[in-house]
N, C-alpha and C. Protein backbone atom coordinates (compact mmCIF):
# COMPACT_ATOMS: atom_id res chain seq x y z
N MET A 1 100.29 91.84 105.54
CA MET A 1 100.23 91.91 104.45
C MET A 1 100.76 93.32 103.57
N VAL A 2 101.40 93.48 102.91
CA VAL A 2 101.76 94.54 102.20
C VAL A 2 100.82 94.89 101.15
N ASP A 3 100.80 95.95 100.50
CA ASP A 3 100.06 96.70 99.37
C ASP A 3 101.41 96.09 98.44
N ILE A 4 102.15 97.03 98.63
CA ILE A 4 103.51 97.02 97.49
C ILE A 4 104.99 96.88 98.37
N LEU A 5 105.49 95.95 97.47
CA LEU A 5 106.86 95.85 98.24
C LEU A 5 107.99 95.79 97.52
N ALA A 6 109.12 96.17 97.94
CA ALA A 6 110.27 96.27 97.28
C ALA A 6 111.29 95.75 97.71
N VAL A 7 112.04 94.87 96.91
CA VAL A 7 113.36 94.19 97.46
C VAL A 7 114.82 94.55 96.38
N THR A 8 115.95 95.38 96.92
CA THR A 8 116.88 96.23 96.98
C THR A 8 118.11 95.40 96.99
N ALA A 9 119.29 95.75 96.12
CA ALA A 9 120.50 95.47 96.83
C ALA A 9 121.08 96.00 97.98
N HIS A 10 120.82 97.49 97.46
CA HIS A 10 121.48 98.24 98.51
C HIS A 10 120.68 99.46 98.98
N PRO A 11 120.84 100.39 100.02
CA PRO A 11 120.58 101.22 100.80
C PRO A 11 120.57 102.27 99.67
N ASP A 12 119.79 103.07 99.65
CA ASP A 12 119.63 104.24 98.26
C ASP A 12 118.69 103.50 97.01
N ASP A 13 118.88 102.29 96.73
CA ASP A 13 118.40 102.16 95.25
C ASP A 13 116.93 102.43 95.27
N LEU A 14 116.08 101.77 96.03
CA LEU A 14 114.50 102.95 96.20
C LEU A 14 114.40 104.09 96.39
N GLU A 15 114.88 104.41 97.15
CA GLU A 15 114.71 106.05 97.31
C GLU A 15 114.91 106.61 95.59
N ILE A 16 116.28 106.08 94.70
CA ILE A 16 116.54 106.71 93.70
C ILE A 16 115.57 106.38 92.75
N CYS A 17 115.21 105.23 92.56
CA CYS A 17 114.30 104.54 91.39
C CYS A 17 112.96 104.65 91.55
N ALA A 18 112.60 104.13 92.85
CA ALA A 18 111.15 104.09 92.62
C ALA A 18 110.77 105.04 94.76
N GLY A 19 110.87 105.97 94.67
CA GLY A 19 110.83 106.73 96.01
C GLY A 19 109.31 107.06 95.94
N GLY A 20 109.10 108.20 94.88
CA GLY A 20 108.28 108.54 94.58
C GLY A 20 106.75 107.85 94.56
N LEU A 21 107.01 106.63 93.69
CA LEU A 21 105.94 105.67 93.57
C LEU A 21 105.85 105.41 95.24
N PHE A 22 106.41 105.32 96.11
CA PHE A 22 106.21 104.55 97.34
C PHE A 22 105.38 105.90 98.49
N LEU A 23 105.84 107.01 98.32
CA LEU A 23 105.25 108.28 98.85
C LEU A 23 104.22 108.12 98.23
N LYS A 24 103.85 108.20 96.87
CA LYS A 24 102.02 108.07 96.32
C LYS A 24 101.46 107.21 97.24
N ALA A 25 101.73 105.66 96.99
CA ALA A 25 101.19 104.58 97.39
C ALA A 25 100.84 104.99 99.07
N LYS A 26 101.91 105.47 99.99
CA LYS A 26 101.70 105.67 101.08
C LYS A 26 100.32 106.79 101.56
N LYS A 27 100.62 107.91 100.75
CA LYS A 27 99.55 109.03 100.88
C LYS A 27 98.07 108.49 100.12
N GLU A 28 98.18 107.69 99.18
CA GLU A 28 96.80 106.94 99.19
C GLU A 28 96.43 105.68 99.88
N GLY A 29 96.81 105.70 100.81
CA GLY A 29 96.90 104.41 102.32
C GLY A 29 96.89 103.45 101.81
N LYS A 30 97.99 103.02 100.96
CA LYS A 30 98.75 101.82 100.73
C LYS A 30 99.49 101.33 101.97
N LYS A 31 99.85 99.96 102.00
CA LYS A 31 100.86 99.64 103.08
C LYS A 31 101.97 99.34 102.04
N THR A 32 103.32 99.81 102.51
CA THR A 32 104.83 99.74 101.72
C THR A 32 105.83 98.79 102.93
N GLY A 33 106.55 98.17 102.01
CA GLY A 33 107.35 97.52 102.58
C GLY A 33 108.68 97.59 101.76
N LEU A 34 109.95 97.28 102.03
CA LEU A 34 111.14 97.41 101.78
C LEU A 34 112.26 96.17 102.45
N ILE A 35 112.77 95.41 101.76
CA ILE A 35 113.78 94.64 101.87
C ILE A 35 114.95 95.06 101.45
N ILE A 36 116.03 95.52 101.97
CA ILE A 36 117.39 95.80 101.66
C ILE A 36 118.60 94.52 101.58
N CYS A 37 118.95 94.14 100.72
CA CYS A 37 119.50 92.56 100.70
C CYS A 37 120.96 93.03 101.25
N THR A 38 121.66 93.92 101.03
CA THR A 38 122.99 94.02 101.45
C THR A 38 123.10 95.38 102.76
N ARG A 39 124.28 96.09 103.28
CA ARG A 39 124.38 97.10 104.02
C ARG A 39 124.77 98.41 103.14
N GLY A 40 125.26 97.87 101.83
CA GLY A 40 126.17 98.51 101.28
C GLY A 40 127.93 99.23 101.75
N GLU A 41 128.33 98.42 102.58
CA GLU A 41 129.54 98.54 103.10
C GLU A 41 131.05 98.37 102.22
N SER A 42 130.65 98.10 100.83
CA SER A 42 131.88 98.20 100.05
C SER A 42 131.61 99.30 99.32
N GLY A 43 130.93 100.29 99.30
CA GLY A 43 130.97 101.42 98.34
C GLY A 43 132.36 102.32 98.74
N GLY A 44 132.60 102.51 99.82
CA GLY A 44 133.86 102.99 100.30
C GLY A 44 133.81 104.67 100.39
N TYR A 45 132.55 105.16 100.50
CA TYR A 45 132.20 106.34 100.67
C TYR A 45 131.83 106.69 102.52
N ALA A 46 131.69 105.35 103.01
CA ALA A 46 131.05 105.28 104.31
C ALA A 46 131.18 104.38 104.95
N GLU A 47 131.23 103.92 106.31
CA GLU A 47 131.49 102.86 106.87
C GLU A 47 129.78 102.12 106.98
N GLN A 48 130.17 101.19 107.30
CA GLN A 48 128.62 99.95 107.44
C GLN A 48 127.43 100.48 108.31
N ALA A 49 128.31 101.42 109.23
CA ALA A 49 126.91 101.66 110.61
C ALA A 49 126.28 103.15 109.89
N MET A 50 126.86 103.98 109.37
CA MET A 50 126.84 104.98 108.55
C MET A 50 125.71 104.97 107.63
N ARG A 51 125.83 104.18 106.67
CA ARG A 51 125.00 103.27 105.68
C ARG A 51 123.55 102.81 106.66
N GLU A 52 123.72 101.90 107.37
CA GLU A 52 122.40 101.47 108.11
C GLU A 52 121.79 102.70 108.94
N GLN A 53 122.74 103.89 109.37
CA GLN A 53 121.93 104.73 110.59
C GLN A 53 121.07 105.73 108.90
N GLU A 54 121.70 105.92 107.72
CA GLU A 54 120.96 106.34 106.53
C GLU A 54 119.72 105.67 106.26
N ALA A 55 120.01 104.65 106.03
CA ALA A 55 118.83 103.78 105.62
C ALA A 55 117.65 103.67 106.44
N LYS A 56 117.92 103.81 107.67
CA LYS A 56 116.83 104.08 108.84
C LYS A 56 115.91 105.02 108.86
N LYS A 57 116.73 106.16 108.53
CA LYS A 57 116.37 107.77 108.75
C LYS A 57 115.70 107.72 107.11
N ALA A 58 115.90 107.19 105.99
CA ALA A 58 115.16 107.10 104.48
C ALA A 58 113.80 106.43 105.07
N VAL A 59 113.93 105.39 105.56
CA VAL A 59 112.81 104.67 105.98
C VAL A 59 111.58 105.20 106.86
N GLU A 60 112.19 105.99 107.72
CA GLU A 60 111.12 107.02 108.16
C GLU A 60 110.63 108.13 107.41
N LEU A 61 111.18 108.57 106.54
CA LEU A 61 110.55 109.19 106.05
C LEU A 61 109.46 108.60 104.72
N LEU A 62 109.58 107.69 103.95
CA LEU A 62 109.29 106.86 103.61
C LEU A 62 107.71 106.36 104.04
N GLY A 63 107.98 106.23 105.58
CA GLY A 63 106.62 105.89 106.18
C GLY A 63 106.54 104.79 105.92
N LEU A 64 107.41 103.83 105.87
CA LEU A 64 107.25 102.33 105.62
C LEU A 64 106.59 101.65 106.68
N ASP A 65 106.02 100.79 106.17
CA ASP A 65 104.73 99.35 107.27
C ASP A 65 105.71 98.54 107.23
N TYR A 66 106.80 98.04 106.41
CA TYR A 66 107.54 96.79 106.76
C TYR A 66 108.85 97.16 106.54
N PHE A 67 110.28 96.93 107.13
CA PHE A 67 110.97 96.81 106.71
C PHE A 67 112.03 95.86 107.24
N ARG A 68 113.01 95.23 106.70
CA ARG A 68 114.11 94.09 106.58
C ARG A 68 115.37 94.96 106.31
N HIS A 69 116.66 94.56 106.74
CA HIS A 69 117.63 95.06 106.32
C HIS A 69 118.33 93.56 106.33
N LEU A 70 118.78 93.04 105.48
CA LEU A 70 119.64 91.46 105.41
C LEU A 70 120.90 92.02 105.68
N ASN A 71 122.14 90.81 105.41
CA ASN A 71 123.28 90.86 105.48
C ASN A 71 123.76 90.25 104.23
N PHE A 72 123.35 90.35 103.01
CA PHE A 72 124.53 89.45 101.85
C PHE A 72 125.51 90.47 101.69
N PRO A 73 126.38 89.93 100.83
CA PRO A 73 127.51 90.72 101.68
C PRO A 73 127.55 91.84 99.80
N ASP A 74 128.08 92.44 100.25
CA ASP A 74 127.88 93.75 99.18
C ASP A 74 129.01 93.67 98.48
N ALA A 75 128.91 93.90 97.12
CA ALA A 75 129.45 93.84 95.91
C ALA A 75 129.74 92.33 96.10
N ALA A 76 128.96 91.68 96.04
CA ALA A 76 129.30 90.25 96.04
C ALA A 76 128.07 89.16 96.06
N VAL A 77 127.07 89.88 95.96
CA VAL A 77 125.78 88.74 95.66
C VAL A 77 125.74 88.33 94.73
N PHE A 78 125.17 87.22 94.63
CA PHE A 78 125.06 85.97 93.53
C PHE A 78 124.13 85.38 93.67
N PHE A 79 123.34 84.84 92.69
CA PHE A 79 122.28 84.23 92.71
C PHE A 79 122.67 82.54 93.10
N SER A 80 122.04 81.60 94.41
CA SER A 80 122.09 80.65 94.91
C SER A 80 120.80 80.24 95.57
N GLU A 81 120.65 78.84 95.93
CA GLU A 81 119.50 78.44 96.79
C GLU A 81 119.55 78.86 97.81
N ASP A 82 120.65 79.31 98.77
CA ASP A 82 120.33 79.92 99.78
C ASP A 82 120.11 81.09 99.72
N ALA A 83 120.19 81.88 98.72
CA ALA A 83 119.55 83.65 98.84
C ALA A 83 117.99 83.18 98.61
N VAL A 84 117.70 82.41 97.79
CA VAL A 84 116.46 82.36 97.28
C VAL A 84 115.70 81.76 98.28
N GLN A 85 116.12 80.97 99.25
CA GLN A 85 115.52 80.87 100.71
C GLN A 85 115.40 81.72 101.48
N THR A 86 116.53 82.37 101.26
CA THR A 86 116.16 83.48 102.68
C THR A 86 115.34 84.56 101.86
N ILE A 87 115.05 85.21 100.51
CA ILE A 87 113.69 85.93 100.32
C ILE A 87 112.36 85.06 100.61
N ILE A 88 112.28 83.89 100.29
CA ILE A 88 111.03 83.42 100.28
C ILE A 88 110.21 83.72 101.73
N PRO A 89 110.60 83.17 102.86
CA PRO A 89 109.57 83.62 103.94
C PRO A 89 109.35 84.60 104.15
N LEU A 90 110.11 86.30 103.89
CA LEU A 90 109.73 87.01 103.86
C LEU A 90 109.07 87.50 102.82
N LEU A 91 109.06 87.17 101.95
CA LEU A 91 107.72 87.84 100.49
C LEU A 91 106.33 86.91 101.26
N ARG A 92 106.75 85.57 101.71
CA ARG A 92 105.41 85.05 101.98
C ARG A 92 104.63 85.75 103.10
N GLU A 93 105.74 86.24 104.35
CA GLU A 93 105.16 87.08 105.27
C GLU A 93 104.54 88.22 104.91
N CYS A 94 104.91 89.10 103.92
CA CYS A 94 104.00 90.18 103.35
C CYS A 94 103.35 89.98 102.32
N SER A 95 103.61 89.01 101.41
CA SER A 95 102.27 88.71 100.38
C SER A 95 101.98 89.79 99.90
N PRO A 96 102.83 90.62 99.09
CA PRO A 96 102.57 91.95 98.62
C PRO A 96 101.75 91.68 96.78
N LYS A 97 100.94 92.35 97.22
CA LYS A 97 100.03 92.65 95.77
C LYS A 97 100.89 93.05 94.60
N ILE A 98 101.46 94.07 94.81
CA ILE A 98 102.73 94.29 93.76
C ILE A 98 104.31 94.03 94.16
N LEU A 99 105.07 93.40 93.79
CA LEU A 99 106.28 93.09 93.73
C LEU A 99 107.47 94.14 93.08
N LEU A 100 108.03 94.42 93.88
CA LEU A 100 109.30 95.69 92.80
C LEU A 100 110.73 95.10 93.04
N THR A 101 111.28 94.67 92.25
CA THR A 101 112.85 94.67 92.26
C THR A 101 113.68 95.53 91.22
N LEU A 102 114.93 95.11 91.23
CA LEU A 102 115.64 95.68 89.90
C LEU A 102 115.55 95.09 88.77
N HIS A 103 116.05 95.44 87.58
CA HIS A 103 115.93 94.75 86.38
C HIS A 103 117.03 93.98 86.38
N GLN A 104 117.26 93.01 85.65
CA GLN A 104 118.31 92.17 85.08
C GLN A 104 119.16 92.65 84.25
N ASP A 105 118.96 93.63 83.36
CA ASP A 105 120.04 94.68 83.03
C ASP A 105 120.57 95.94 83.27
N ASP A 106 120.28 95.90 84.36
CA ASP A 106 120.93 97.12 85.31
C ASP A 106 122.35 97.24 85.50
N TYR A 107 123.15 97.84 85.54
CA TYR A 107 124.43 98.31 85.74
C TYR A 107 125.29 97.39 86.87
N HIS A 108 124.93 97.19 88.05
CA HIS A 108 125.63 96.72 88.95
C HIS A 108 125.24 95.24 88.87
N PRO A 109 126.74 94.36 89.17
CA PRO A 109 126.19 92.85 89.24
C PRO A 109 124.91 92.56 90.76
N ASP A 110 125.23 93.30 91.81
CA ASP A 110 124.62 93.05 92.74
C ASP A 110 122.82 92.99 92.59
N HIS A 111 122.92 94.09 91.49
CA HIS A 111 121.30 94.16 90.54
C HIS A 111 121.10 93.47 90.15
N VAL A 112 121.79 92.87 89.45
CA VAL A 112 121.37 91.84 88.69
C VAL A 112 120.72 90.38 89.40
N ALA A 113 122.24 90.10 90.40
CA ALA A 113 121.67 89.02 91.30
C ALA A 113 120.27 88.91 91.89
N VAL A 114 119.98 90.26 92.51
CA VAL A 114 118.87 90.30 93.37
C VAL A 114 117.87 90.40 92.60
N SER A 115 118.03 90.81 91.55
CA SER A 115 116.78 90.44 90.22
C SER A 115 116.67 89.07 90.52
N ARG A 116 117.47 88.13 89.56
CA ARG A 116 117.25 86.85 89.58
C ARG A 116 116.70 86.06 90.70
N ILE A 117 117.46 86.35 92.06
CA ILE A 117 116.77 85.71 92.99
C ILE A 117 115.40 86.11 93.33
N VAL A 118 115.05 87.19 93.32
CA VAL A 118 113.69 87.64 93.68
C VAL A 118 112.67 86.84 92.41
N ASP A 119 112.89 86.81 91.12
CA ASP A 119 112.55 86.21 90.24
C ASP A 119 112.14 84.35 90.89
N ALA A 120 113.13 83.93 91.16
CA ALA A 120 113.19 82.42 91.67
C ALA A 120 112.10 82.68 92.87
N ALA A 121 112.63 83.51 93.94
CA ALA A 121 111.87 83.38 95.13
C ALA A 121 110.41 83.65 94.74
N THR A 122 109.67 84.41 94.03
CA THR A 122 108.54 84.79 93.92
C THR A 122 107.62 83.68 93.22
N PHE A 123 108.64 83.00 92.14
CA PHE A 123 107.77 81.69 91.56
C PHE A 123 107.88 80.62 92.72
N VAL A 124 108.80 80.29 93.38
CA VAL A 124 109.00 79.16 93.83
C VAL A 124 108.24 79.41 95.42
N GLY A 125 108.32 80.65 96.01
CA GLY A 125 107.76 80.84 97.07
C GLY A 125 106.23 81.17 96.84
N GLY A 126 105.82 80.95 96.01
CA GLY A 126 104.05 80.80 95.87
C GLY A 126 103.77 79.85 96.24
N LEU A 127 104.33 78.59 95.80
CA LEU A 127 103.70 77.15 95.73
C LEU A 127 103.38 77.07 96.97
N ASN A 128 102.21 76.07 97.64
CA ASN A 128 101.46 76.11 98.83
C ASN A 128 102.46 75.28 99.99
N LYS A 129 103.33 74.70 99.23
CA LYS A 129 104.39 74.00 100.59
C LYS A 129 104.95 75.49 101.46
N TYR A 130 105.00 76.22 101.05
CA TYR A 130 105.82 77.79 101.86
C TYR A 130 104.92 78.42 102.72
N SER A 131 103.69 78.14 102.46
CA SER A 131 102.40 78.72 102.99
C SER A 131 102.36 78.49 104.54
N SER A 132 101.74 79.02 105.40
CA SER A 132 101.49 78.34 107.25
C SER A 132 100.05 77.75 107.09
N ASP A 133 99.25 78.30 105.94
CA ASP A 133 97.88 77.72 106.25
C ASP A 133 97.45 77.04 104.55
N GLY A 134 98.56 76.66 103.86
CA GLY A 134 97.99 75.59 102.80
C GLY A 134 97.97 76.63 101.39
N SER A 135 98.08 77.99 101.62
CA SER A 135 97.14 78.44 100.24
C SER A 135 98.65 79.22 99.58
N ASP A 136 97.95 78.85 97.82
CA ASP A 136 98.70 79.71 97.05
C ASP A 136 99.15 81.20 96.54
N TRP A 137 100.16 81.55 96.67
CA TRP A 137 100.87 83.05 96.72
C TRP A 137 101.16 83.43 95.28
N LYS A 138 100.82 84.64 94.61
CA LYS A 138 101.97 85.26 93.71
C LYS A 138 101.66 86.95 93.80
N PRO A 139 102.31 87.64 93.47
CA PRO A 139 101.96 88.98 93.30
C PRO A 139 100.85 88.74 92.25
N LYS A 140 100.29 90.29 92.04
CA LYS A 140 99.26 90.56 91.10
C LYS A 140 100.48 90.97 89.77
N GLU A 141 101.29 92.13 89.83
CA GLU A 141 101.93 92.13 89.18
C GLU A 141 103.76 92.40 89.92
N LEU A 142 104.76 91.72 88.95
CA LEU A 142 106.11 91.74 89.33
C LEU A 142 106.83 92.96 88.33
N LEU A 143 107.09 93.83 89.07
CA LEU A 143 107.62 95.06 88.26
C LEU A 143 108.96 95.01 88.52
N TYR A 144 109.63 95.83 87.80
CA TYR A 144 111.10 96.30 87.63
C TYR A 144 111.35 97.46 87.74
N MET A 145 112.88 98.19 88.66
CA MET A 145 113.36 99.61 88.49
C MET A 145 114.74 99.39 88.09
N CYS A 146 115.21 100.27 87.43
CA CYS A 146 116.71 100.21 86.69
C CYS A 146 117.53 101.67 87.38
N GLY A 147 118.52 101.29 88.24
CA GLY A 147 119.33 102.01 88.51
C GLY A 147 120.11 103.08 87.56
N ASP A 148 120.26 102.67 86.26
CA ASP A 148 120.78 103.39 85.70
C ASP A 148 120.37 102.92 83.99
N PRO A 149 119.72 103.53 83.67
CA PRO A 149 118.61 103.23 82.18
C PRO A 149 119.53 103.15 81.09
N ARG A 150 121.12 103.67 81.11
CA ARG A 150 121.84 103.59 79.68
C ARG A 150 122.60 102.46 79.70
N THR A 151 122.12 101.47 80.68
CA THR A 151 122.57 99.93 80.38
C THR A 151 121.48 99.24 79.89
N ASN A 152 120.32 99.76 79.85
CA ASN A 152 119.31 99.14 79.48
C ASN A 152 118.69 99.12 78.81
N LYS A 153 118.53 98.52 77.40
CA LYS A 153 117.94 98.98 76.07
C LYS A 153 116.60 99.22 75.92
N ARG A 154 116.04 98.79 76.40
CA ARG A 154 114.44 98.73 76.13
C ARG A 154 114.23 99.82 77.13
N LYS A 155 112.95 100.33 76.52
CA LYS A 155 112.51 101.73 77.19
C LYS A 155 111.44 101.37 78.27
N PRO A 156 111.31 102.24 79.18
CA PRO A 156 110.34 101.76 80.49
C PRO A 156 108.83 101.65 79.53
N ASP A 157 107.95 100.87 80.62
CA ASP A 157 106.64 100.43 80.31
C ASP A 157 105.79 101.25 80.83
N ILE A 158 106.20 101.88 81.74
CA ILE A 158 105.62 103.00 82.56
C ILE A 158 106.35 104.06 83.47
N PHE A 159 105.55 105.19 83.18
CA PHE A 159 106.19 106.36 83.66
C PHE A 159 105.15 106.68 84.83
N ILE A 160 105.53 106.93 85.78
CA ILE A 160 104.80 107.76 87.25
C ILE A 160 105.27 109.30 87.31
N ASN A 161 104.11 109.61 87.16
CA ASN A 161 104.51 111.44 87.63
C ASN A 161 104.37 111.54 89.31
N ILE A 162 106.03 111.80 89.72
CA ILE A 162 105.91 112.35 90.74
C ILE A 162 106.12 114.16 91.32
N ASP A 163 105.43 114.58 90.39
CA ASP A 163 105.76 115.67 90.61
C ASP A 163 105.04 116.49 92.15
N ASP A 164 103.91 115.90 92.86
CA ASP A 164 103.63 115.86 93.94
C ASP A 164 103.88 115.26 94.75
N VAL A 165 105.11 115.14 95.00
CA VAL A 165 105.72 114.22 95.82
C VAL A 165 107.25 114.40 95.84
N TRP A 166 107.39 115.28 94.92
CA TRP A 166 109.02 115.78 94.93
C TRP A 166 109.90 116.29 95.83
N ASP A 167 109.12 116.94 96.50
CA ASP A 167 110.21 117.58 97.90
C ASP A 167 110.40 116.40 98.54
N GLU A 168 109.55 115.73 98.71
CA GLU A 168 109.68 114.38 99.85
C GLU A 168 110.72 113.09 99.26
N LYS A 169 110.52 113.11 97.88
CA LYS A 169 111.43 112.07 97.59
C LYS A 169 112.71 112.94 97.63
N LEU A 170 113.36 114.37 97.19
CA LEU A 170 114.60 114.61 97.64
C LEU A 170 114.77 114.35 99.07
N ALA A 171 114.39 114.50 99.57
CA ALA A 171 114.64 114.52 101.53
C ALA A 171 114.78 112.88 101.31
N CYS A 172 114.36 111.81 100.79
CA CYS A 172 114.62 110.62 101.14
C CYS A 172 115.80 110.07 100.51
N CYS A 173 115.84 110.82 99.51
CA CYS A 173 117.79 110.84 98.58
C CYS A 173 118.39 111.46 99.92
N ASN A 174 118.52 112.47 99.87
CA ASN A 174 119.43 113.25 100.77
C ASN A 174 119.46 112.61 102.08
N ALA A 175 118.45 111.73 102.80
CA ALA A 175 118.93 110.71 103.52
C ALA A 175 120.21 110.02 103.37
N HIS A 176 120.53 109.96 102.13
CA HIS A 176 121.85 109.05 102.30
C HIS A 176 123.08 110.21 101.62
N ALA A 177 122.77 110.48 102.66
CA ALA A 177 124.13 112.02 102.51
C ALA A 177 125.39 111.48 102.03
N SER A 178 126.05 110.23 102.27
CA SER A 178 127.61 110.07 102.21
C SER A 178 127.92 109.37 100.51
N GLN A 179 126.57 109.03 100.00
CA GLN A 179 126.60 108.64 99.06
C GLN A 179 126.68 109.52 97.81
N ASN A 180 126.02 110.80 98.04
CA ASN A 180 125.73 112.15 97.12
C ASN A 180 124.92 111.77 96.10
N VAL A 181 123.78 110.74 96.11
CA VAL A 181 122.92 110.45 95.13
C VAL A 181 122.00 111.56 94.67
N THR A 182 121.54 112.53 95.00
CA THR A 182 120.98 113.25 94.93
C THR A 182 120.35 113.93 94.05
N GLU A 183 121.87 114.25 93.20
CA GLU A 183 121.98 115.25 91.95
C GLU A 183 121.49 113.96 90.69
N TYR A 184 122.53 113.08 90.95
CA TYR A 184 121.92 111.86 90.08
C TYR A 184 120.50 111.19 89.61
N ALA A 185 120.04 111.33 90.88
CA ALA A 185 118.49 111.07 90.81
C ALA A 185 117.61 111.97 90.44
N VAL A 186 118.45 113.48 90.68
CA VAL A 186 117.19 114.42 89.91
C VAL A 186 117.73 114.62 88.58
N LYS A 187 118.53 114.28 88.16
CA LYS A 187 119.03 114.28 86.63
C LYS A 187 117.97 112.78 85.93
N MET A 188 118.04 111.71 86.39
CA MET A 188 117.08 110.80 86.17
C MET A 188 115.65 111.03 85.97
N ALA A 189 115.25 111.45 87.20
CA ALA A 189 113.71 111.97 87.37
C ALA A 189 113.14 113.14 86.04
N GLN A 190 114.37 113.63 85.86
CA GLN A 190 113.90 115.18 84.75
C GLN A 190 113.90 114.28 83.65
N TRP A 191 114.94 113.49 83.01
CA TRP A 191 114.95 112.50 81.88
C TRP A 191 113.70 111.67 82.08
N TYR A 192 112.78 110.84 82.84
CA TYR A 192 112.00 109.92 82.63
C TYR A 192 110.76 111.15 82.58
N GLY A 193 110.57 112.49 82.94
CA GLY A 193 109.83 113.19 83.33
C GLY A 193 109.81 113.68 81.58
N MET A 194 110.68 113.98 81.24
CA MET A 194 110.42 114.53 79.53
C MET A 194 110.00 113.60 78.84
N LEU A 195 110.41 112.14 79.25
CA LEU A 195 109.50 111.18 78.24
C LEU A 195 108.05 110.78 78.36
N GLY A 196 107.75 110.96 80.21
CA GLY A 196 106.23 111.01 80.65
C GLY A 196 105.58 112.04 80.36
N GLN A 197 106.10 113.17 80.31
CA GLN A 197 105.71 114.53 79.78
C GLN A 197 104.97 115.27 81.36
N CYS A 198 105.74 114.96 81.93
CA CYS A 198 105.87 116.18 83.38
C CYS A 198 107.39 116.46 83.71
N ASN A 199 107.14 117.02 84.93
CA ASN A 199 108.12 117.73 85.37
C ASN A 199 109.39 116.64 86.01
N TYR A 200 108.69 115.44 86.30
CA TYR A 200 109.63 114.43 87.35
C TYR A 200 108.90 113.22 87.04
N ALA A 201 109.70 111.99 86.82
CA ALA A 201 108.60 110.93 86.73
C ALA A 201 109.94 109.89 87.08
N GLU A 202 109.13 108.68 87.57
CA GLU A 202 109.81 107.21 87.32
C GLU A 202 109.51 106.39 86.55
N ALA A 203 110.41 105.40 86.62
CA ALA A 203 109.99 104.39 85.28
C ALA A 203 109.88 103.41 85.76
N LEU A 204 109.23 102.21 85.61
CA LEU A 204 109.30 100.90 85.88
C LEU A 204 109.01 99.96 84.44
N TYR A 205 109.52 99.04 84.58
CA TYR A 205 109.68 98.16 83.55
C TYR A 205 108.84 96.46 84.00
N THR A 206 108.01 95.91 82.83
CA THR A 206 106.82 95.01 83.35
C THR A 206 107.86 93.57 82.60
N ARG A 207 107.43 92.67 82.74
CA ARG A 207 107.73 91.19 81.98
C ARG A 207 106.59 91.03 81.17
N ASN A 208 105.29 91.37 81.51
CA ASN A 208 104.32 90.59 80.95
C ASN A 208 103.29 92.33 81.06
N PRO A 209 102.29 91.65 79.89
CA PRO A 209 101.53 93.10 79.51
C PRO A 209 100.67 93.29 80.37
N LEU A 210 100.22 94.55 80.74
CA LEU A 210 99.35 94.93 82.28
C LEU A 210 97.53 94.62 81.63
N THR A 211 96.94 93.70 82.31
CA THR A 211 95.82 93.60 82.06
C THR A 211 94.79 94.42 83.06
N LEU A 212 94.10 95.43 82.52
CA LEU A 212 92.80 96.50 82.36
C LEU A 212 91.71 95.64 82.83
N SER A 213 90.77 95.87 83.99
CA SER A 213 89.55 95.27 84.21
C SER A 213 88.57 96.11 84.19
N THR A 214 88.95 97.61 83.99
CA THR A 214 87.90 98.66 84.27
C THR A 214 88.72 99.93 83.05
N ALA A 215 87.51 100.49 82.38
CA ALA A 215 88.43 101.46 81.87
C ALA A 215 88.68 102.87 81.86
N ASP A 216 88.23 102.80 83.25
CA ASP A 216 88.79 103.95 84.30
C ASP A 216 89.97 103.89 84.29
N SER A 217 90.75 102.53 84.64
CA SER A 217 92.47 102.53 84.84
C SER A 217 93.24 103.28 83.50
N LEU A 218 92.40 103.80 82.48
CA LEU A 218 93.19 104.14 81.23
C LEU A 218 93.08 105.44 81.47
N PHE A 219 92.32 106.09 82.72
CA PHE A 219 92.08 107.75 82.63
C PHE A 219 92.75 108.09 84.15
């Protein structure tokens, strides 16, 4: 079981969008995990083997407790029953308390497809027929991240101050050297930081309102 699990389309999606959150969670003693659906072989900047090596380096820097790299076709991920059934056993294996994936209004078709796949896998996979012990499961929260906020008309629901892990986040982004993503990640974090009233931030979206059980959660 992990505390927080991300399911992304490509190597570097997590590092750009929510690497700081995962670094903070790890520092706070949480178990973290990542499932990457494609090998990122279609971008044209690097061969598949290099992208796999970069992903492994980033995973080490993030200190993840769980990692699976799937082989969905890059730039050709589509919502399907087979895709949903591939994700379900991995979700049940992890049984995360917090599940994070890409937003359906993101810019890349693969991101849109992965979002739909994860939504369906979370609902269907939560049924006890998919459990080894007959138990139900669903995450406490299902949250979304956006690789390009310019394509999403909604404002984020949550901003996460990542000032304290900024250098570590940059190192994770730099691990994907072939993709030259760091400059973009910096600009996005600065933009979110301005909205979140800090230097650097990451942003998340919710489908349902968050319910707080203690007043301390507000502080």
